[in-house]
PDB file of N, CA and C in Angstrom:
ATOM      1  N   MET A   1     -94.181  64.863 103.987  1.00  0.00           N
ATOM      2  CA  MET A   1     -95.050  64.873 102.836  1.00  0.00           C
ATOM      3  C   MET A   1     -95.851  63.581 102.823  1.00  0.00           C
ATOM      4  N   LEU A   2     -97.128  63.677 102.730  1.00  0.00           N
ATOM      5  CA  LEU A   2     -97.972  62.492 102.683  1.00  0.00           C
ATOM      6  C   LEU A   2     -97.976  61.926 101.272  1.00  0.00           C
ATOM      7  N   THR A   3     -97.852  60.631 101.166  1.00  0.00           N
ATOM      8  CA  THR A   3     -97.921  59.953  99.880  1.00  0.00           C
ATOM      9  C   THR A   3     -98.862  58.788 100.017  1.00  0.00           C
ATOM     10  N   LYS A   4     -99.360  58.336  98.890  1.00  0.00           N
ATOM     11  CA  LYS A   4    -100.205  57.154  98.951  1.00  0.00           C
ATOM     12  C   LYS A   4     -99.320  55.926  99.107  1.00  0.00           C
ATOM     13  N   GLN A   5     -99.870  54.905  99.683  1.00  0.00           N
ATOM     14  CA  GLN A   5     -99.146  53.646  99.789  1.00  0.00           C
ATOM     15  C   GLN A   5     -99.291  52.925  98.474  1.00  0.00           C
ATOM     16  N   ALA A   6     -98.207  52.294  98.039  1.00  0.00           N
ATOM     17  CA  ALA A   6     -98.244  51.559  96.785  1.00  0.00           C
ATOM     18  C   ALA A   6     -98.690  50.137  97.040  1.00  0.00           C
ATOM     19  N   SER A   7     -99.585  49.679  96.219  1.00  0.00           N
ATOM     20  CA  SER A   7    -100.001  48.295  96.256  1.00  0.00           C
ATOM     21  C   SER A   7    -100.009  47.820  94.820  1.00  0.00           C
ATOM     22  N   GLY A   8     -99.150  46.896  94.488  1.00  0.00           N
ATOM     23  CA  GLY A   8     -99.066  46.453  93.107  1.00  0.00           C
ATOM     24  C   GLY A   8     -98.023  47.245  92.352  1.00  0.00           C
ATOM     25  N   PHE A   9     -98.425  47.860  91.250  1.00  0.00           N
ATOM     26  CA  PHE A   9     -97.490  48.512  90.341  1.00  0.00           C
ATOM     27  C   PHE A   9     -97.095  49.900  90.825  1.00  0.00           C
ATOM     28  N   ILE A  10     -95.860  50.277  90.530  1.00  0.00           N
ATOM     29  CA  ILE A  10     -95.341  51.596  90.888  1.00  0.00           C
ATOM     30  C   ILE A  10     -94.957  52.309  89.601  1.00  0.00           C
ATOM     31  N   LYS A  11     -95.628  53.409  89.321  1.00  0.00           N
ATOM     32  CA  LYS A  11     -95.287  54.254  88.178  1.00  0.00           C
ATOM     33  C   LYS A  11     -94.796  55.579  88.738  1.00  0.00           C
ATOM     34  N   GLN A  12     -93.576  55.965  88.373  1.00  0.00           N
ATOM     35  CA  GLN A  12     -92.960  57.123  89.000  1.00  0.00           C
ATOM     36  C   GLN A  12     -93.787  58.390  88.867  1.00  0.00           C
ATOM     37  N   GLU A  13     -94.525  58.557  87.794  1.00  0.00           N
ATOM     38  CA  GLU A  13     -95.318  59.776  87.631  1.00  0.00           C
ATOM     39  C   GLU A  13     -96.476  59.872  88.626  1.00  0.00           C
ATOM     40  N   ASP A  14     -96.776  58.777  89.318  1.00  0.00           N
ATOM     41  CA  ASP A  14     -97.854  58.789  90.302  1.00  0.00           C
ATOM     42  C   ASP A  14     -97.413  59.292  91.673  1.00  0.00           C
ATOM     43  N   PHE A  15     -96.118  59.562  91.853  1.00  0.00           N
ATOM     44  CA  PHE A  15     -95.596  59.931  93.170  1.00  0.00           C
ATOM     45  C   PHE A  15     -94.905  61.287  93.102  1.00  0.00           C
ATOM     46  N   PRO A  16     -95.181  62.175  94.054  1.00  0.00           N
ATOM     47  CA  PRO A  16     -94.586  63.516  94.035  1.00  0.00           C
ATOM     48  C   PRO A  16     -93.086  63.487  94.323  1.00  0.00           C
ATOM     49  N   VAL A  17     -92.408  64.505  93.816  1.00  0.00           N
ATOM     50  CA  VAL A  17     -90.977  64.703  94.046  1.00  0.00           C
ATOM     51  C   VAL A  17     -90.837  65.954  94.903  1.00  0.00           C
ATOM     52  N   GLU A  18     -89.990  65.879  95.937  1.00  0.00           N
ATOM     53  CA  GLU A  18     -89.773  67.045  96.798  1.00  0.00           C
ATOM     54  C   GLU A  18     -88.281  67.308  96.944  1.00  0.00           C
ATOM     55  N   GLU A  19     -87.916  68.579  96.992  1.00  0.00           N
ATOM     56  CA  GLU A  19     -86.521  68.939  97.245  1.00  0.00           C
ATOM     57  C   GLU A  19     -86.305  68.860  98.747  1.00  0.00           C
ATOM     58  N   VAL A  20     -85.269  68.098  99.163  1.00  0.00           N
ATOM     59  CA  VAL A  20     -85.023  67.912 100.592  1.00  0.00           C
ATOM     60  C   VAL A  20     -83.777  68.638 101.073  1.00  0.00           C
ATOM     61  N   ASP A  21     -82.851  68.891 100.184  1.00  0.00           N
ATOM     62  CA  ASP A  21     -81.633  69.649 100.456  1.00  0.00           C
ATOM     63  C   ASP A  21     -81.195  70.244  99.125  1.00  0.00           C
ATOM     64  N   PRO A  22     -80.301  71.231  99.147  1.00  0.00           N
ATOM     65  CA  PRO A  22     -79.840  71.784  97.868  1.00  0.00           C
ATOM     66  C   PRO A  22     -79.267  70.673  96.977  1.00  0.00           C
ATOM     67  N   GLY A  23     -79.827  70.560  95.772  1.00  0.00           N
ATOM     68  CA  GLY A  23     -79.334  69.580  94.808  1.00  0.00           C
ATOM     69  C   GLY A  23     -79.810  68.161  95.029  1.00  0.00           C
ATOM     70  N   ILE A  24     -80.748  67.948  95.977  1.00  0.00           N
ATOM     71  CA  ILE A  24     -81.237  66.594  96.265  1.00  0.00           C
ATOM     72  C   ILE A  24     -82.758  66.596  96.269  1.00  0.00           C
ATOM     73  N   THR A  25     -83.346  65.695  95.474  1.00  0.00           N
ATOM     74  CA  THR A  25     -84.786  65.499  95.519  1.00  0.00           C
ATOM     75  C   THR A  25     -85.081  64.080  95.985  1.00  0.00           C
ATOM     76  N   ARG A  26     -86.254  63.935  96.608  1.00  0.00           N
ATOM     77  CA  ARG A  26     -86.699  62.639  97.133  1.00  0.00           C
ATOM     78  C   ARG A  26     -88.065  62.317  96.560  1.00  0.00           C
ATOM     79  N   GLN A  27     -88.225  61.066  96.157  1.00  0.00           N
ATOM     80  CA  GLN A  27     -89.502  60.578  95.655  1.00  0.00           C
ATOM     81  C   GLN A  27     -89.805  59.257  96.352  1.00  0.00           C
ATOM     82  N   ILE A  28     -90.805  59.264  97.219  1.00  0.00           N
ATOM     83  CA  ILE A  28     -91.216  58.042  97.906  1.00  0.00           C
ATOM     84  C   ILE A  28     -92.030  57.224  96.915  1.00  0.00           C
ATOM     85  N   LEU A  29     -91.564  56.016  96.619  1.00  0.00           N
ATOM     86  CA  LEU A  29     -92.180  55.199  95.581  1.00  0.00           C
ATOM     87  C   LEU A  29     -93.162  54.169  96.117  1.00  0.00           C
ATOM     88  N   GLY A  30     -93.169  53.959  97.400  1.00  0.00           N
ATOM     89  CA  GLY A  30     -94.122  53.032  97.982  1.00  0.00           C
ATOM     90  C   GLY A  30     -93.733  52.726  99.408  1.00  0.00           C
ATOM     91  N   HIS A  31     -94.744  52.441 100.223  1.00  0.00           N
ATOM     92  CA  HIS A  31     -94.464  52.130 101.618  1.00  0.00           C
ATOM     93  C   HIS A  31     -95.674  51.500 102.270  1.00  0.00           C
ATOM     94  N   ASP A  32     -95.400  50.805 103.338  1.00  0.00           N
ATOM     95  CA  ASP A  32     -96.398  50.406 104.311  1.00  0.00           C
ATOM     96  C   ASP A  32     -95.708  50.575 105.661  1.00  0.00           C
ATOM     97  N   PRO A  33     -96.298  50.206 106.762  1.00  0.00           N
ATOM     98  CA  PRO A  33     -95.633  50.445 108.048  1.00  0.00           C
ATOM     99  C   PRO A  33     -94.287  49.723 108.202  1.00  0.00           C
ATOM    100  N   HIS A  34     -94.033  48.706 107.403  1.00  0.00           N
ATOM    101  CA  HIS A  34     -92.840  47.873 107.590  1.00  0.00           C
ATOM    102  C   HIS A  34     -91.724  48.123 106.590  1.00  0.00           C
ATOM    103  N   LEU A  35     -92.015  48.792 105.479  1.00  0.00           N
ATOM    104  CA  LEU A  35     -91.044  48.889 104.389  1.00  0.00           C
ATOM    105  C   LEU A  35     -91.297  50.159 103.586  1.00  0.00           C
ATOM    106  N   MET A  36     -90.209  50.778 103.083  1.00  0.00           N
ATOM    107  CA  MET A  36     -90.340  51.978 102.257  1.00  0.00           C
ATOM    108  C   MET A  36     -89.251  51.979 101.193  1.00  0.00           C
ATOM    109  N   MET A  37     -89.624  52.360  99.963  1.00  0.00           N
ATOM    110  CA  MET A  37     -88.654  52.524  98.878  1.00  0.00           C
ATOM    111  C   MET A  37     -88.674  53.976  98.419  1.00  0.00           C
ATOM    112  N   VAL A  38     -87.456  54.540  98.240  1.00  0.00           N
ATOM    113  CA  VAL A  38     -87.311  55.959  97.942  1.00  0.00           C
ATOM    114  C   VAL A  38     -86.269  56.139  96.836  1.00  0.00           C
ATOM    115  N   ARG A  39     -86.548  57.031  95.884  1.00  0.00           N
ATOM    116  CA  ARG A  39     -85.563  57.430  94.865  1.00  0.00           C
ATOM    117  C   ARG A  39     -85.028  58.803  95.266  1.00  0.00           C
ATOM    118  N   LEU A  40     -83.710  58.912  95.366  1.00  0.00           N
ATOM    119  CA  LEU A  40     -83.048  60.182  95.659  1.00  0.00           C
ATOM    120  C   LEU A  40     -82.210  60.583  94.452  1.00  0.00           C
ATOM    121  N   CYS A  41     -82.470  61.764  93.912  1.00  0.00           N
ATOM    122  CA  CYS A  41     -81.703  62.283  92.782  1.00  0.00           C
ATOM    123  C   CYS A  41     -80.768  63.381  93.290  1.00  0.00           C
ATOM    124  N   PHE A  42     -79.494  63.257  92.956  1.00  0.00           N
ATOM    125  CA  PHE A  42     -78.458  64.187  93.404  1.00  0.00           C
ATOM    126  C   PHE A  42     -77.860  64.913  92.209  1.00  0.00           C
ATOM    127  N   LYS A  43     -77.652  66.201  92.343  1.00  0.00           N
ATOM    128  CA  LYS A  43     -76.829  66.956  91.403  1.00  0.00           C
ATOM    129  C   LYS A  43     -75.362  66.788  91.827  1.00  0.00           C
ATOM    130  N   LYS A  44     -74.449  66.877  90.873  1.00  0.00           N
ATOM    131  CA  LYS A  44     -73.025  66.766  91.175  1.00  0.00           C
ATOM    132  C   LYS A  44     -72.663  67.706  92.321  1.00  0.00           C
ATOM    133  N   GLY A  45     -71.958  67.174  93.318  1.00  0.00           N
ATOM    134  CA  GLY A  45     -71.518  67.962  94.464  1.00  0.00           C
ATOM    135  C   GLY A  45     -72.507  68.011  95.617  1.00  0.00           C
ATOM    136  N   ALA A  46     -73.733  67.556  95.405  1.00  0.00           N
ATOM    137  CA  ALA A  46     -74.726  67.569  96.490  1.00  0.00           C
ATOM    138  C   ALA A  46     -74.292  66.605  97.596  1.00  0.00           C
ATOM    139  N   ILE A  47     -74.605  66.980  98.824  1.00  0.00           N
ATOM    140  CA  ILE A  47     -74.147  66.223  99.991  1.00  0.00           C
ATOM    141  C   ILE A  47     -75.322  65.699 100.796  1.00  0.00           C
ATOM    142  N   GLY A  48     -75.323  64.400 100.993  1.00  0.00           N
ATOM    143  CA  GLY A  48     -76.214  63.779 101.970  1.00  0.00           C
ATOM    144  C   GLY A  48     -75.399  63.677 103.252  1.00  0.00           C
ATOM    145  N   TYR A  49     -75.559  64.643 104.131  1.00  0.00           N
ATOM    146  CA  TYR A  49     -74.697  64.758 105.307  1.00  0.00           C
ATOM    147  C   TYR A  49     -74.771  63.521 106.199  1.00  0.00           C
ATOM    148  N   VAL A  50     -73.674  63.248 106.890  1.00  0.00           N
ATOM    149  CA  VAL A  50     -73.601  62.097 107.788  1.00  0.00           C
ATOM    150  C   VAL A  50     -74.692  62.220 108.842  1.00  0.00           C
ATOM    151  N   HIS A  51     -75.433  61.138 109.017  1.00  0.00           N
ATOM    152  CA  HIS A  51     -76.559  61.112 109.950  1.00  0.00           C
ATOM    153  C   HIS A  51     -76.782  59.671 110.408  1.00  0.00           C
ATOM    154  N   THR A  52     -77.671  59.497 111.358  1.00  0.00           N
ATOM    155  CA  THR A  52     -78.065  58.165 111.814  1.00  0.00           C
ATOM    156  C   THR A  52     -79.579  58.110 111.913  1.00  0.00           C
ATOM    157  N   HIS A  53     -80.106  56.906 111.920  1.00  0.00           N
ATOM    158  CA  HIS A  53     -81.532  56.683 112.164  1.00  0.00           C
ATOM    159  C   HIS A  53     -81.702  55.237 112.622  1.00  0.00           C
ATOM    160  N   PRO A  54     -82.812  54.911 113.255  1.00  0.00           N
ATOM    161  CA  PRO A  54     -82.995  53.566 113.806  1.00  0.00           C
ATOM    162  C   PRO A  54     -83.440  52.526 112.778  1.00  0.00           C
ATOM    163  N   HIS A  55     -83.542  52.913 111.509  1.00  0.00           N
ATOM    164  CA  HIS A  55     -84.019  52.008 110.467  1.00  0.00           C
ATOM    165  C   HIS A  55     -82.858  51.254 109.825  1.00  0.00           C
ATOM    166  N   ARG A  56     -83.138  50.039 109.358  1.00  0.00           N
ATOM    167  CA  ARG A  56     -82.197  49.353 108.476  1.00  0.00           C
ATOM    168  C   ARG A  56     -82.380  49.964 107.097  1.00  0.00           C
ATOM    169  N   GLN A  57     -81.264  50.081 106.357  1.00  0.00           N
ATOM    170  CA  GLN A  57     -81.318  50.694 105.035  1.00  0.00           C
ATOM    171  C   GLN A  57     -80.440  49.901 104.087  1.00  0.00           C
ATOM    172  N   VAL A  58     -80.953  49.627 102.909  1.00  0.00           N
ATOM    173  CA  VAL A  58     -80.160  49.034 101.842  1.00  0.00           C
ATOM    174  C   VAL A  58     -80.377  49.919 100.624  1.00  0.00           C
ATOM    175  N   ALA A  59     -79.326  50.118  99.827  1.00  0.00           N
ATOM    176  CA  ALA A  59     -79.422  51.028  98.692  1.00  0.00           C
ATOM    177  C   ALA A  59     -78.623  50.496  97.517  1.00  0.00           C
ATOM    178  N   ILE A  60     -79.004  50.965  96.340  1.00  0.00           N
ATOM    179  CA  ILE A  60     -78.254  50.676  95.125  1.00  0.00           C
ATOM    180  C   ILE A  60     -78.072  51.987  94.370  1.00  0.00           C
ATOM    181  N   VAL A  61     -76.903  52.143  93.775  1.00  0.00           N
ATOM    182  CA  VAL A  61     -76.648  53.294  92.912  1.00  0.00           C
ATOM    183  C   VAL A  61     -77.273  52.970  91.554  1.00  0.00           C
ATOM    184  N   GLU A  62     -78.313  53.703  91.214  1.00  0.00           N
ATOM    185  CA  GLU A  62     -78.975  53.491  89.922  1.00  0.00           C
ATOM    186  C   GLU A  62     -78.195  54.156  88.793  1.00  0.00           C
ATOM    187  N   LYS A  63     -77.625  55.340  89.094  1.00  0.00           N
ATOM    188  CA  LYS A  63     -76.957  56.143  88.076  1.00  0.00           C
ATOM    189  C   LYS A  63     -75.906  56.999  88.756  1.00  0.00           C
ATOM    190  N   GLY A  64     -74.785  57.252  88.080  1.00  0.00           N
ATOM    191  CA  GLY A  64     -73.769  58.159  88.588  1.00  0.00           C
ATOM    192  C   GLY A  64     -72.781  57.477  89.505  1.00  0.00           C
ATOM    193  N   SER A  65     -72.082  58.295  90.296  1.00  0.00           N
ATOM    194  CA  SER A  65     -71.130  57.773  91.276  1.00  0.00           C
ATOM    195  C   SER A  65     -71.180  58.641  92.523  1.00  0.00           C
ATOM    196  N   PHE A  66     -70.895  57.994  93.654  1.00  0.00           N
ATOM    197  CA  PHE A  66     -70.996  58.632  94.962  1.00  0.00           C
ATOM    198  C   PHE A  66     -69.820  58.219  95.830  1.00  0.00           C
ATOM    199  N   GLU A  67     -69.347  59.144  96.653  1.00  0.00           N
ATOM    200  CA  GLU A  67     -68.451  58.780  97.741  1.00  0.00           C
ATOM    201  C   GLU A  67     -69.363  58.539  98.938  1.00  0.00           C
ATOM    202  N   VAL A  68     -69.429  57.292  99.360  1.00  0.00           N
ATOM    203  CA  VAL A  68     -70.318  56.903 100.451  1.00  0.00           C
ATOM    204  C   VAL A  68     -69.481  56.663 101.698  1.00  0.00           C
ATOM    205  N   GLN A  69     -69.939  57.185 102.812  1.00  0.00           N
ATOM    206  CA  GLN A  69     -69.269  56.990 104.099  1.00  0.00           C
ATOM    207  C   GLN A  69     -70.188  56.192 105.012  1.00  0.00           C
ATOM    208  N   ILE A  70     -69.644  55.100 105.555  1.00  0.00           N
ATOM    209  CA  ILE A  70     -70.377  54.279 106.512  1.00  0.00           C
ATOM    210  C   ILE A  70     -69.488  54.060 107.728  1.00  0.00           C
ATOM    211  N   ASP A  71     -69.927  54.540 108.867  1.00  0.00           N
ATOM    212  CA  ASP A  71     -69.197  54.372 110.125  1.00  0.00           C
ATOM    213  C   ASP A  71     -67.731  54.789 109.987  1.00  0.00           C
ATOM    214  N   GLY A  72     -67.500  55.916 109.303  1.00  0.00           N
ATOM    215  CA  GLY A  72     -66.160  56.481 109.156  1.00  0.00           C
ATOM    216  C   GLY A  72     -65.361  55.964 107.970  1.00  0.00           C
ATOM    217  N   GLU A  73     -65.795  54.889 107.324  1.00  0.00           N
ATOM    218  CA  GLU A  73     -65.096  54.346 106.157  1.00  0.00           C
ATOM    219  C   GLU A  73     -65.729  54.897 104.880  1.00  0.00           C
ATOM    220  N   LYS A  74     -64.877  55.336 103.922  1.00  0.00           N
ATOM    221  CA  LYS A  74     -65.371  55.899 102.664  1.00  0.00           C
ATOM    222  C   LYS A  74     -64.986  55.007 101.491  1.00  0.00           C
ATOM    223  N   LYS A  75     -65.923  54.886 100.542  1.00  0.00           N
ATOM    224  CA  LYS A  75     -65.671  54.169  99.294  1.00  0.00           C
ATOM    225  C   LYS A  75     -66.424  54.880  98.179  1.00  0.00           C
ATOM    226  N   VAL A  76     -65.883  54.796  96.967  1.00  0.00           N
ATOM    227  CA  VAL A  76     -66.577  55.311  95.796  1.00  0.00           C
ATOM    228  C   VAL A  76     -67.406  54.172  95.215  1.00  0.00           C
ATOM    229  N   LEU A  77     -68.699  54.447  95.036  1.00  0.00           N
ATOM    230  CA  LEU A  77     -69.626  53.462  94.470  1.00  0.00           C
ATOM    231  C   LEU A  77     -70.198  54.011  93.174  1.00  0.00           C
ATOM    232  N   ARG A  78     -70.371  53.114  92.206  1.00  0.00           N
ATOM    233  CA  ARG A  78     -70.889  53.482  90.894  1.00  0.00           C
ATOM    234  C   ARG A  78     -72.165  52.693  90.591  1.00  0.00           C
ATOM    235  N   ALA A  79     -72.799  53.006  89.475  1.00  0.00           N
ATOM    236  CA  ALA A  79     -74.041  52.345  89.080  1.00  0.00           C
ATOM    237  C   ALA A  79     -73.902  50.835  89.213  1.00  0.00           C
ATOM    238  N   GLY A  80     -74.865  50.244  89.897  1.00  0.00           N
ATOM    239  CA  GLY A  80     -74.870  48.802  90.138  1.00  0.00           C
ATOM    240  C   GLY A  80     -74.317  48.410  91.486  1.00  0.00           C
ATOM    241  N   ASP A  81     -73.528  49.297  92.118  1.00  0.00           N
ATOM    242  CA  ASP A  81     -73.003  49.044  93.459  1.00  0.00           C
ATOM    243  C   ASP A  81     -74.064  49.412  94.492  1.00  0.00           C
ATOM    244  N   GLY A  82     -73.901  48.924  95.697  1.00  0.00           N
ATOM    245  CA  GLY A  82     -74.855  49.244  96.743  1.00  0.00           C
ATOM    246  C   GLY A  82     -74.229  49.173  98.123  1.00  0.00           C
ATOM    247  N   TYR A  83     -75.074  49.330  99.138  1.00  0.00           N
ATOM    248  CA  TYR A  83     -74.599  49.272 100.520  1.00  0.00           C
ATOM    249  C   TYR A  83     -75.751  48.932 101.451  1.00  0.00           C
ATOM    250  N   PHE A  84     -75.373  48.481 102.651  1.00  0.00           N
ATOM    251  CA  PHE A  84     -76.325  48.159 103.713  1.00  0.00           C
ATOM    252  C   PHE A  84     -75.925  48.941 104.949  1.00  0.00           C
ATOM    253  N   ILE A  85     -76.905  49.562 105.604  1.00  0.00           N
ATOM    254  CA  ILE A  85     -76.669  50.345 106.822  1.00  0.00           C
ATOM    255  C   ILE A  85     -77.470  49.719 107.958  1.00  0.00           C
ATOM    256  N   PRO A  86     -76.809  49.186 108.980  1.00  0.00           N
ATOM    257  CA  PRO A  86     -77.547  48.711 110.164  1.00  0.00           C
ATOM    258  C   PRO A  86     -78.133  49.904 110.925  1.00  0.00           C
ATOM    259  N   PRO A  87     -79.048  49.658 111.837  1.00  0.00           N
ATOM    260  CA  PRO A  87     -79.629  50.753 112.619  1.00  0.00           C
ATOM    261  C   PRO A  87     -78.559  51.554 113.371  1.00  0.00           C
ATOM    262  N   ASN A  88     -78.747  52.869 113.392  1.00  0.00           N
ATOM    263  CA  ASN A  88     -77.947  53.809 114.190  1.00  0.00           C
ATOM    264  C   ASN A  88     -76.476  53.894 113.812  1.00  0.00           C
ATOM    265  N   VAL A  89     -76.106  53.477 112.610  1.00  0.00           N
ATOM    266  CA  VAL A  89     -74.724  53.596 112.133  1.00  0.00           C
ATOM    267  C   VAL A  89     -74.602  54.889 111.322  1.00  0.00           C
ATOM    268  N   PRO A  90     -73.616  55.747 111.642  1.00  0.00           N
ATOM    269  CA  PRO A  90     -73.456  57.007 110.906  1.00  0.00           C
ATOM    270  C   PRO A  90     -73.115  56.740 109.435  1.00  0.00           C
ATOM    271  N   HIS A  91     -73.774  57.492 108.539  1.00  0.00           N
ATOM    272  CA  HIS A  91     -73.527  57.324 107.109  1.00  0.00           C
ATOM    273  C   HIS A  91     -73.919  58.600 106.362  1.00  0.00           C
ATOM    274  N   GLY A  92     -73.366  58.739 105.171  1.00  0.00           N
ATOM    275  CA  GLY A  92     -73.659  59.879 104.311  1.00  0.00           C
ATOM    276  C   GLY A  92     -73.087  59.630 102.935  1.00  0.00           C
ATOM    277  N   ALA A  93     -73.360  60.540 102.000  1.00  0.00           N
ATOM    278  CA  ALA A  93     -72.895  60.379 100.621  1.00  0.00           C
ATOM    279  C   ALA A  93     -72.692  61.736  99.972  1.00  0.00           C
ATOM    280  N   VAL A  94     -71.725  61.792  99.057  1.00  0.00           N
ATOM    281  CA  VAL A  94     -71.473  62.974  98.239  1.00  0.00           C
ATOM    282  C   VAL A  94     -71.555  62.539  96.782  1.00  0.00           C
ATOM    283  N   ALA A  95     -72.327  63.254  95.984  1.00  0.00           N
ATOM    284  CA  ALA A  95     -72.458  62.937  94.560  1.00  0.00           C
ATOM    285  C   ALA A  95     -71.222  63.429  93.817  1.00  0.00           C
ATOM    286  N   LEU A  96     -70.496  62.506  93.200  1.00  0.00           N
ATOM    287  CA  LEU A  96     -69.320  62.861  92.413  1.00  0.00           C
ATOM    288  C   LEU A  96     -69.702  63.301  91.009  1.00  0.00           C
ATOM    289  N   GLU A  97     -70.924  63.005  90.620  1.00  0.00           N
ATOM    290  CA  GLU A  97     -71.532  63.442  89.365  1.00  0.00           C
ATOM    291  C   GLU A  97     -73.042  63.361  89.583  1.00  0.00           C
ATOM    292  N   ASP A  98     -73.832  63.858  88.653  1.00  0.00           N
ATOM    293  CA  ASP A  98     -75.279  63.697  88.793  1.00  0.00           C
ATOM    294  C   ASP A  98     -75.573  62.213  88.969  1.00  0.00           C
ATOM    295  N   GLY A  99     -76.443  61.895  89.921  1.00  0.00           N
ATOM    296  CA  GLY A  99     -76.697  60.481  90.181  1.00  0.00           C
ATOM    297  C   GLY A  99     -78.011  60.227  90.883  1.00  0.00           C
ATOM    298  N   VAL A 100     -78.337  58.933  90.980  1.00  0.00           N
ATOM    299  CA  VAL A 100     -79.587  58.498  91.588  1.00  0.00           C
ATOM    300  C   VAL A 100     -79.308  57.320  92.515  1.00  0.00           C
ATOM    301  N   LEU A 101     -79.845  57.389  93.728  1.00  0.00           N
ATOM    302  CA  LEU A 101     -79.810  56.281  94.682  1.00  0.00           C
ATOM    303  C   LEU A 101     -81.233  55.768  94.878  1.00  0.00           C
ATOM    304  N   ILE A 102     -81.376  54.466  94.988  1.00  0.00           N
ATOM    305  CA  ILE A 102     -82.641  53.856  95.378  1.00  0.00           C
ATOM    306  C   ILE A 102     -82.422  53.285  96.773  1.00  0.00           C
ATOM    307  N   ASP A 103     -83.135  53.836  97.749  1.00  0.00           N
ATOM    308  CA  ASP A 103     -83.022  53.419  99.147  1.00  0.00           C
ATOM    309  C   ASP A 103     -84.255  52.616  99.549  1.00  0.00           C
ATOM    310  N   VAL A 104     -84.030  51.585 100.347  1.00  0.00           N
ATOM    311  CA  VAL A 104     -85.120  50.817 100.941  1.00  0.00           C
ATOM    312  C   VAL A 104     -84.889  50.801 102.451  1.00  0.00           C
ATOM    313  N   PHE A 105     -85.948  51.113 103.204  1.00  0.00           N
ATOM    314  CA  PHE A 105     -85.864  51.203 104.655  1.00  0.00           C
ATOM    315  C   PHE A 105     -86.848  50.233 105.299  1.00  0.00           C
ATOM    316  N   THR A 106     -86.436  49.702 106.439  1.00  0.00           N
ATOM    317  CA  THR A 106     -87.361  48.962 107.286  1.00  0.00           C
ATOM    318  C   THR A 106     -87.080  49.340 108.738  1.00  0.00           C
ATOM    319  N   PRO A 107     -88.093  49.683 109.513  1.00  0.00           N
ATOM    320  CA  PRO A 107     -89.461  49.919 109.074  1.00  0.00           C
ATOM    321  C   PRO A 107     -89.550  51.196 108.243  1.00  0.00           C
ATOM    322  N   CYS A 108     -90.746  51.548 107.860  1.00  0.00           N
ATOM    323  CA  CYS A 108     -91.019  52.752 107.100  1.00  0.00           C
ATOM    324  C   CYS A 108     -90.438  53.993 107.799  1.00  0.00           C
ATOM    325  N   ARG A 109     -89.911  54.941 107.023  1.00  0.00           N
ATOM    326  CA  ARG A 109     -89.427  56.215 107.573  1.00  0.00           C
ATOM    327  C   ARG A 109     -90.613  57.152 107.775  1.00  0.00           C
ATOM    328  N   GLU A 110     -91.237  57.075 108.921  1.00  0.00           N
ATOM    329  CA  GLU A 110     -92.387  57.931 109.223  1.00  0.00           C
ATOM    330  C   GLU A 110     -92.026  59.407 109.119  1.00  0.00           C
ATOM    331  N   ASP A 111     -90.753  59.758 109.426  1.00  0.00           N
ATOM    332  CA  ASP A 111     -90.331  61.159 109.341  1.00  0.00           C
ATOM    333  C   ASP A 111     -90.392  61.672 107.908  1.00  0.00           C
ATOM    334  N   PHE A 112     -90.296  60.808 106.913  1.00  0.00           N
ATOM    335  CA  PHE A 112     -90.398  61.238 105.514  1.00  0.00           C
ATOM    336  C   PHE A 112     -91.845  61.546 105.132  1.00  0.00           C
ATOM    337  N   LEU A 113     -92.799  61.084 105.894  1.00  0.00           N
ATOM    338  CA  LEU A 113     -94.205  61.229 105.555  1.00  0.00           C
ATOM    339  C   LEU A 113     -94.835  62.486 106.150  1.00  0.00           C
ATOM    340  N   LYS A 114     -94.095  63.232 106.948  1.00  0.00           N
ATOM    341  CA  LYS A 114     -94.631  64.429 107.603  1.00  0.00           C
ATOM    342  C   LYS A 114     -94.463  65.652 106.742  1.00  0.00           C
TER     343      LYS A 114
END
């Protein structure tokens, strides 16, 4: 999905929301070739399946709670908690209740823009 690049202020109503998996929506909030910020909204029970990518990723739980798996280790994270994923490390998450993750990637996830 093509989105405009954010320069300056980010207002959520200016960016489209797309369903990416059952119970999961993605909203790209801003990006340039080097950095991308994304809001992911999960319904309770929705699964972000274990996957890898070459990007560095840092995230914070904005709302709700998630069982997050990083390189085979699982922990429950709640609002205010976060995590860091180095490149090519397997990771995934399961929403234990309705929740929101804010992900930041470097470089930009070009695959999200298609």
